[in-house]
Amino acid sequence: MANLENVTSTAEKTDGLVRRAWLAGIGFYVMAFEEVEGQFQKINSERARLFKAFVSKGEEFTADSEKSVAEDAQEKTAVDKRVAEVRKQLGLDTTSTEAKISELTQKVDELTEVLKKLS
């Protein structure tokens, strides 16, 4: 009978040890799950903050670039106007080359007539 009591006692101890090991495994799983869930919530709130920051930076960049493009366009327009004015003063933009040659030929002919009359 002593053997039976030893076996029963050993079985109860083993059962308690196995149960505690099982509970430790479940506890590990629950703690890991809670940790992952906490990290997920932290990342999720960080994601929302980062998204807002990205949108804000995008809006700033867009506004700055639109302003820069508008300024560049105004500068280009002013430069284009000045170039056109200088070309016009130099007679480079008014007519085609053939028209200029024709105009100069006519002026030379007129000058030739005037010189003939003077001589």
Protein backbone atom coordinates (compact mmCIF):
# COMPACT_ATOMS: atom_id res chain seq x y z
CA MET A 1 0.00 0.00 0.00
CA ALA A 2 2.86 2.31 0.61
CA ASN A 3 3.77 1.87 -3.04
CA LEU A 4 0.29 2.88 -4.10
CA GLU A 5 0.48 6.00 -1.98
CA ASN A 6 3.89 6.85 -3.48
CA VAL A 7 2.57 6.37 -7.01
CA THR A 8 -0.53 8.47 -6.24
CA SER A 9 1.60 11.18 -4.64
CA THR A 10 4.02 11.15 -7.58
CA ALA A 11 1.12 11.28 -10.06
CA GLU A 12 -0.40 14.26 -8.23
CA LYS A 13 2.96 16.05 -8.19
CA THR A 14 3.49 15.30 -11.89
CA ASP A 15 -0.04 16.42 -12.69
CA GLY A 16 0.57 19.69 -10.81
CA LEU A 17 3.89 20.22 -12.61
CA VAL A 18 2.35 19.52 -16.03
CA ARG A 19 -0.56 21.82 -15.25
CA ARG A 20 1.80 24.63 -14.17
CA ALA A 21 3.85 24.16 -17.36
CA TRP A 22 0.66 24.33 -19.39
CA LEU A 23 -0.43 27.51 -17.54
CA ALA A 24 3.03 29.02 -18.07
CA GLY A 25 2.68 28.40 -21.81
CA ILE A 26 -0.75 30.02 -21.88
CA GLY A 27 0.55 32.92 -19.79
CA PHE A 28 3.43 33.40 -22.24
CA TYR A 29 1.01 33.39 -25.16
CA VAL A 30 -1.31 35.94 -23.47
CA MET A 31 1.58 38.25 -22.54
CA ALA A 32 3.04 38.07 -26.05
CA PHE A 33 -0.39 38.82 -27.54
CA GLU A 34 -0.86 41.80 -25.22
CA GLU A 35 2.62 43.10 -26.10
CA VAL A 36 1.97 42.77 -29.84
CA GLU A 37 -1.41 44.43 -29.44
CA GLY A 38 0.18 47.34 -27.54
CA GLN A 39 2.87 47.74 -30.19
CA PHE A 40 0.22 47.63 -32.93
CA GLN A 41 -1.78 50.38 -31.23
CA LYS A 42 1.38 52.45 -30.80
CA ILE A 43 2.30 51.99 -34.48
CA ASN A 44 -1.27 52.72 -35.56
CA SER A 45 -1.35 56.03 -33.65
CA GLU A 46 2.15 56.85 -34.96
CA ARG A 47 0.97 56.08 -38.49
CA ALA A 48 -1.87 58.57 -38.18
CA ARG A 49 0.49 61.24 -36.86
CA LEU A 50 3.00 60.56 -39.64
CA PHE A 51 0.27 60.65 -42.29
CA LYS A 52 -0.87 64.06 -41.06
CA ALA A 53 2.74 65.29 -41.05
CA PHE A 54 3.26 64.01 -44.62
CA VAL A 55 0.08 65.73 -45.82
CA SER A 56 1.15 68.98 -44.15
CA LYS A 57 4.61 68.85 -45.75
CA GLY A 58 3.02 68.07 -49.12
CA GLU A 59 0.73 71.09 -48.84
CA GLU A 60 3.67 73.33 -47.90
CA PHE A 61 5.75 72.04 -50.81
CA THR A 62 2.89 72.47 -53.27
CA ALA A 63 2.23 76.03 -52.14
CA ASP A 64 5.93 76.90 -52.30
CA SER A 65 6.39 75.31 -55.72
CA GLU A 66 3.30 77.02 -57.14
CA LYS A 67 4.61 80.36 -55.84
CA SER A 68 8.06 79.64 -57.30
CA VAL A 69 6.60 78.64 -60.67
CA ALA A 70 4.49 81.80 -60.75
CA GLU A 71 7.54 83.94 -59.94
CA ASP A 72 9.59 82.16 -62.60
CA ALA A 73 6.81 82.69 -65.14
CA GLN A 74 6.69 86.39 -64.33
CA GLU A 75 10.46 86.68 -64.62
CA LYS A 76 10.43 84.77 -67.90
CA THR A 77 7.65 86.97 -69.23
CA ALA A 78 9.57 90.12 -68.28
CA VAL A 79 12.74 88.78 -69.91
CA ASP A 80 10.79 87.72 -73.02
CA LYS A 81 9.26 91.19 -73.28
CA ARG A 82 12.65 92.84 -72.96
CA VAL A 83 14.21 90.51 -75.57
CA ALA A 84 11.31 91.20 -77.96
CA GLU A 85 11.74 94.92 -77.43
CA VAL A 86 15.47 94.78 -78.16
CA ARG A 87 14.91 92.60 -81.24
CA LYS A 88 12.32 95.07 -82.49
CA GLN A 89 14.70 98.00 -81.95
CA LEU A 90 17.39 96.13 -83.88
CA GLY A 91 14.90 95.28 -86.62
CA LEU A 92 15.24 91.57 -86.13
CA ASP A 93 11.61 90.69 -85.48
CA THR A 94 9.57 92.98 -87.67
CA THR A 95 9.70 91.32 -91.07
CA SER A 96 11.20 88.40 -92.88
CA THR A 97 14.62 88.60 -94.58
CA GLU A 98 13.09 88.73 -98.05
CA ALA A 99 10.88 91.64 -97.06
CA LYS A 100 13.88 93.47 -95.59
CA ILE A 101 15.90 92.94 -98.76
CA SER A 102 13.01 94.23 -100.83
CA GLU A 103 12.65 97.27 -98.55
CA LEU A 104 16.38 98.02 -98.67
CA THR A 105 16.43 97.60 -102.48
CA GLN A 106 13.63 100.13 -102.75
CA LYS A 107 15.50 102.58 -100.50
CA VAL A 108 18.70 102.13 -102.54
CA ASP A 109 16.72 102.76 -105.72
CA GLU A 110 15.24 105.93 -104.18
CA LEU A 111 18.70 107.12 -103.11
CA THR A 112 20.04 106.40 -106.58
CA GLU A 113 17.27 108.53 -108.12
CA VAL A 114 18.02 111.38 -105.70
CA LEU A 115 21.74 111.20 -106.54
CA LYS A 116 20.99 111.27 -110.28
CA LYS A 117 18.92 114.40 -109.85
CA LEU A 118 21.68 116.06 -107.81
CA SER A 119 24.42 115.35 -110.31
